[in-house]
Structures are given as structure tokens and as C-alpha cells.
Amino acid sequence: MMASLSDEDRTAAIAILEQLREKIAAVAGEDRERLFQLRRYILKRLEFDERGTPTQRRRLKEAKRKSQFGLCALCQTALPERGAELDRFRAIEGYTARNTQLVCHNCHQKAEAERGFT
């Protein structure tokens, strides 16, 4: 399990968030649609920083499927054409070839439950 933020880190994060909100508001002005779109854009980019882009994850899935001969890394059954899932051994390490395995949905659910994420 990952450690939670210290009070000092939380305070610093809140300050960063407030600065970002001010900058977004300054760019958006009175345009609520623009404000919405700016927030969404920044949210997705932060998500990509953590998870990689959908294209990166799709390429990793393809490479894993090939290296695992189309089988679930855990139960060794044939992976479905659509719906196979990348399982990270350590979430903090991201979606990398060394930190992932391709698994079927059921095995992914079991693995997540064993790690205490469900």
C-alpha cells in the first residue's frame, strides 16, 4: 500500500491546485464552455502522465499478447480479442513492459482484490 501524503505535501498540493485554478480562470475569462474544456484537457493530460496515452497502452497490450502467446498471464486461458486488461504489479511504476502482464477480466478482478483495491 502506498503511503498517504504528509500534511506538508497536502498543503503544497493545495497551493499548486489553487494557482492552477487561477491560471485556468484567467485564460477562460467569462466563457464557461472554455473553462470546462480547459479543465478537461488538463485532467486528461495529468491522467496520461500517470497511465500513458491510450495509444501507448494499446501498443503495450499488443506486445504483451504476443509475448504471452495470447494467453492470460495468470490462468493461462486464451485472452479475449477485446477486453483483455493490463495488470500492473506496482501501480506507482506505471504501465511499462516490466511492470505489467496481460490478463483476462476475471483474473484482473481477483488480482486487484488480493491487493486490496476493490
C-alpha atoms as a PDB file:
ATOM      1  CA  MET A   1       0.000   0.000   0.000  1.00  0.00           C
ATOM      2  CA  MET A   2       1.254   3.481  -0.822  1.00  0.00           C
ATOM      3  CA  ALA A   3       1.809   5.968   1.964  1.00  0.00           C
ATOM      4  CA  SER A   4      -0.561   8.904   2.101  1.00  0.00           C
ATOM      5  CA  LEU A   5       0.613  12.475   1.685  1.00  0.00           C
ATOM      6  CA  SER A   6       2.039  14.238   4.682  1.00  0.00           C
ATOM      7  CA  ASP A   7       0.281  17.369   5.898  1.00  0.00           C
ATOM      8  CA  GLU A   8       3.122  19.409   4.383  1.00  0.00           C
ATOM      9  CA  ASP A   9       2.751  17.675   0.989  1.00  0.00           C
ATOM     10  CA  ARG A  10      -1.034  18.113   1.082  1.00  0.00           C
ATOM     11  CA  THR A  11      -0.630  21.832   1.809  1.00  0.00           C
ATOM     12  CA  ALA A  12       1.816  22.178  -1.096  1.00  0.00           C
ATOM     13  CA  ALA A  13      -0.539  20.292  -3.423  1.00  0.00           C
ATOM     14  CA  ILE A  14      -3.464  22.526  -2.449  1.00  0.00           C
ATOM     15  CA  ALA A  15      -1.356  25.615  -3.170  1.00  0.00           C
ATOM     16  CA  ILE A  16      -0.438  24.237  -6.617  1.00  0.00           C
ATOM     17  CA  LEU A  17      -4.078  23.442  -7.311  1.00  0.00           C
ATOM     18  CA  GLU A  18      -5.179  26.951  -6.321  1.00  0.00           C
ATOM     19  CA  GLN A  19      -2.519  28.503  -8.591  1.00  0.00           C
ATOM     20  CA  LEU A  20      -3.650  26.289 -11.450  1.00  0.00           C
ATOM     21  CA  ARG A  21      -7.303  27.186 -10.892  1.00  0.00           C
ATOM     22  CA  GLU A  22      -6.426  30.885 -11.009  1.00  0.00           C
ATOM     23  CA  LYS A  23      -4.485  30.452 -14.252  1.00  0.00           C
ATOM     24  CA  ILE A  24      -7.281  28.445 -15.869  1.00  0.00           C
ATOM     25  CA  ALA A  25      -9.845  31.052 -14.818  1.00  0.00           C
ATOM     26  CA  ALA A  26      -7.668  33.830 -16.227  1.00  0.00           C
ATOM     27  CA  VAL A  27      -7.446  32.080 -19.602  1.00  0.00           C
ATOM     28  CA  ALA A  28     -11.135  31.187 -19.697  1.00  0.00           C
ATOM     29  CA  GLY A  29     -12.407  34.579 -18.621  1.00  0.00           C
ATOM     30  CA  GLU A  30     -16.207  34.564 -18.522  1.00  0.00           C
ATOM     31  CA  ASP A  31     -16.513  31.743 -21.066  1.00  0.00           C
ATOM     32  CA  ARG A  32     -17.889  28.773 -19.092  1.00  0.00           C
ATOM     33  CA  GLU A  33     -17.536  26.412 -22.076  1.00  0.00           C
ATOM     34  CA  ARG A  34     -13.865  27.323 -22.426  1.00  0.00           C
ATOM     35  CA  LEU A  35     -13.382  26.854 -18.665  1.00  0.00           C
ATOM     36  CA  PHE A  36     -14.940  23.400 -18.903  1.00  0.00           C
ATOM     37  CA  GLN A  37     -12.786  22.438 -21.893  1.00  0.00           C
ATOM     38  CA  LEU A  38      -9.573  23.709 -20.280  1.00  0.00           C
ATOM     39  CA  ARG A  39     -10.252  21.718 -17.119  1.00  0.00           C
ATOM     40  CA  ARG A  40     -10.996  18.568 -19.117  1.00  0.00           C
ATOM     41  CA  TYR A  41      -7.873  18.988 -21.238  1.00  0.00           C
ATOM     42  CA  ILE A  42      -5.625  19.406 -18.199  1.00  0.00           C
ATOM     43  CA  LEU A  43      -7.300  16.496 -16.394  1.00  0.00           C
ATOM     44  CA  LYS A  44      -6.653  14.155 -19.325  1.00  0.00           C
ATOM     45  CA  ARG A  45      -3.012  15.257 -19.614  1.00  0.00           C
ATOM     46  CA  LEU A  46      -2.430  14.590 -15.918  1.00  0.00           C
ATOM     47  CA  GLU A  47      -4.039  11.166 -16.346  1.00  0.00           C
ATOM     48  CA  PHE A  48      -1.723  10.471 -19.296  1.00  0.00           C
ATOM     49  CA  ASP A  49       1.261  11.420 -17.103  1.00  0.00           C
ATOM     50  CA  GLU A  50       0.291   8.596 -14.764  1.00  0.00           C
ATOM     51  CA  ARG A  51      -1.208   5.996 -17.115  1.00  0.00           C
ATOM     52  CA  GLY A  52       0.279   6.794 -20.520  1.00  0.00           C
ATOM     53  CA  THR A  53      -1.864   7.554 -23.527  1.00  0.00           C
ATOM     54  CA  PRO A  54      -4.459   5.135 -24.882  1.00  0.00           C
ATOM     55  CA  THR A  55      -2.166   4.531 -27.870  1.00  0.00           C
ATOM     56  CA  GLN A  56       0.752   3.673 -25.601  1.00  0.00           C
ATOM     57  CA  ARG A  57      -1.369   1.251 -23.578  1.00  0.00           C
ATOM     58  CA  ARG A  58      -2.802  -0.343 -26.738  1.00  0.00           C
ATOM     59  CA  ARG A  59       0.708  -0.944 -28.093  1.00  0.00           C
ATOM     60  CA  LEU A  60       1.766  -2.424 -24.757  1.00  0.00           C
ATOM     61  CA  LYS A  61      -1.269  -4.727 -24.797  1.00  0.00           C
ATOM     62  CA  GLU A  62      -0.380  -5.889 -28.309  1.00  0.00           C
ATOM     63  CA  ALA A  63       3.213  -6.601 -27.291  1.00  0.00           C
ATOM     64  CA  LYS A  64       2.084  -8.454 -24.156  1.00  0.00           C
ATOM     65  CA  ARG A  65      -0.456 -10.506 -26.111  1.00  0.00           C
ATOM     66  CA  LYS A  66       2.312 -11.556 -28.498  1.00  0.00           C
ATOM     67  CA  SER A  67       4.877 -12.330 -25.770  1.00  0.00           C
ATOM     68  CA  GLN A  68       2.275 -14.306 -23.770  1.00  0.00           C
ATOM     69  CA  PHE A  69       1.150 -16.229 -26.864  1.00  0.00           C
ATOM     70  CA  GLY A  70      -2.397 -14.882 -26.488  1.00  0.00           C
ATOM     71  CA  LEU A  71      -2.842 -16.405 -23.020  1.00  0.00           C
ATOM     72  CA  CYS A  72      -3.820 -14.837 -19.721  1.00  0.00           C
ATOM     73  CA  ALA A  73      -0.681 -14.492 -17.621  1.00  0.00           C
ATOM     74  CA  LEU A  74      -2.496 -15.852 -14.566  1.00  0.00           C
ATOM     75  CA  CYS A  75      -4.917 -18.612 -15.620  1.00  0.00           C
ATOM     76  CA  GLN A  76      -3.350 -19.432 -18.989  1.00  0.00           C
ATOM     77  CA  THR A  77      -6.685 -19.385 -20.854  1.00  0.00           C
ATOM     78  CA  ALA A  78      -6.978 -17.718 -24.253  1.00  0.00           C
ATOM     79  CA  LEU A  79      -7.389 -13.971 -23.913  1.00  0.00           C
ATOM     80  CA  PRO A  80     -10.489 -12.451 -25.497  1.00  0.00           C
ATOM     81  CA  GLU A  81      -9.927 -10.434 -28.669  1.00  0.00           C
ATOM     82  CA  ARG A  82     -11.354  -7.410 -26.872  1.00  0.00           C
ATOM     83  CA  GLY A  83     -11.375  -6.775 -23.157  1.00  0.00           C
ATOM     84  CA  ALA A  84      -8.025  -8.182 -22.038  1.00  0.00           C
ATOM     85  CA  GLU A  85      -6.622  -5.946 -19.285  1.00  0.00           C
ATOM     86  CA  LEU A  86      -3.177  -4.714 -18.351  1.00  0.00           C
ATOM     87  CA  ASP A  87      -2.404  -5.610 -14.756  1.00  0.00           C
ATOM     88  CA  ARG A  88       0.306  -3.565 -13.029  1.00  0.00           C
ATOM     89  CA  PHE A  89       2.364  -5.302 -10.389  1.00  0.00           C
ATOM     90  CA  ARG A  90       3.028  -1.938  -8.711  1.00  0.00           C
ATOM     91  CA  ALA A  91       0.674   0.886  -9.674  1.00  0.00           C
ATOM     92  CA  ILE A  92       3.230   3.570  -8.890  1.00  0.00           C
ATOM     93  CA  GLU A  93       5.588   2.152 -11.548  1.00  0.00           C
ATOM     94  CA  GLY A  94       3.111   2.793 -14.354  1.00  0.00           C
ATOM     95  CA  TYR A  95       2.311   0.861 -17.488  1.00  0.00           C
ATOM     96  CA  THR A  96       5.670  -0.478 -18.605  1.00  0.00           C
ATOM     97  CA  ALA A  97       6.678  -3.781 -20.151  1.00  0.00           C
ATOM     98  CA  ARG A  98       8.440  -4.852 -16.937  1.00  0.00           C
ATOM     99  CA  ASN A  99       5.599  -3.804 -14.627  1.00  0.00           C
ATOM    100  CA  THR A 100       2.620  -5.330 -16.427  1.00  0.00           C
ATOM    101  CA  GLN A 101       1.028  -8.537 -17.509  1.00  0.00           C
ATOM    102  CA  LEU A 102      -1.986  -9.036 -19.769  1.00  0.00           C
ATOM    103  CA  VAL A 103      -4.844 -10.838 -18.066  1.00  0.00           C
ATOM    104  CA  CYS A 104      -8.495 -11.704 -18.541  1.00  0.00           C
ATOM    105  CA  HIS A 105     -11.090  -9.623 -16.710  1.00  0.00           C
ATOM    106  CA  ASN A 106     -11.779 -12.280 -14.038  1.00  0.00           C
ATOM    107  CA  CYS A 107      -8.119 -12.676 -13.170  1.00  0.00           C
ATOM    108  CA  HIS A 108      -7.666  -8.916 -13.055  1.00  0.00           C
ATOM    109  CA  GLN A 109     -10.568  -8.604 -10.605  1.00  0.00           C
ATOM    110  CA  LYS A 110      -9.054 -11.331  -8.410  1.00  0.00           C
ATOM    111  CA  ALA A 111      -5.590  -9.766  -8.510  1.00  0.00           C
ATOM    112  CA  GLU A 112      -6.977  -6.345  -7.587  1.00  0.00           C
ATOM    113  CA  ALA A 113      -8.981  -7.846  -4.709  1.00  0.00           C
ATOM    114  CA  GLU A 114      -5.887  -9.637  -3.388  1.00  0.00           C
ATOM    115  CA  ARG A 115      -4.030  -6.293  -3.436  1.00  0.00           C
ATOM    116  CA  GLY A 116      -6.905  -4.644  -1.567  1.00  0.00           C
ATOM    117  CA  PHE A 117      -8.029  -2.379  -4.419  1.00  0.00           C
ATOM    118  CA  THR A 118     -11.663  -3.469  -4.646  1.00  0.00           C
END
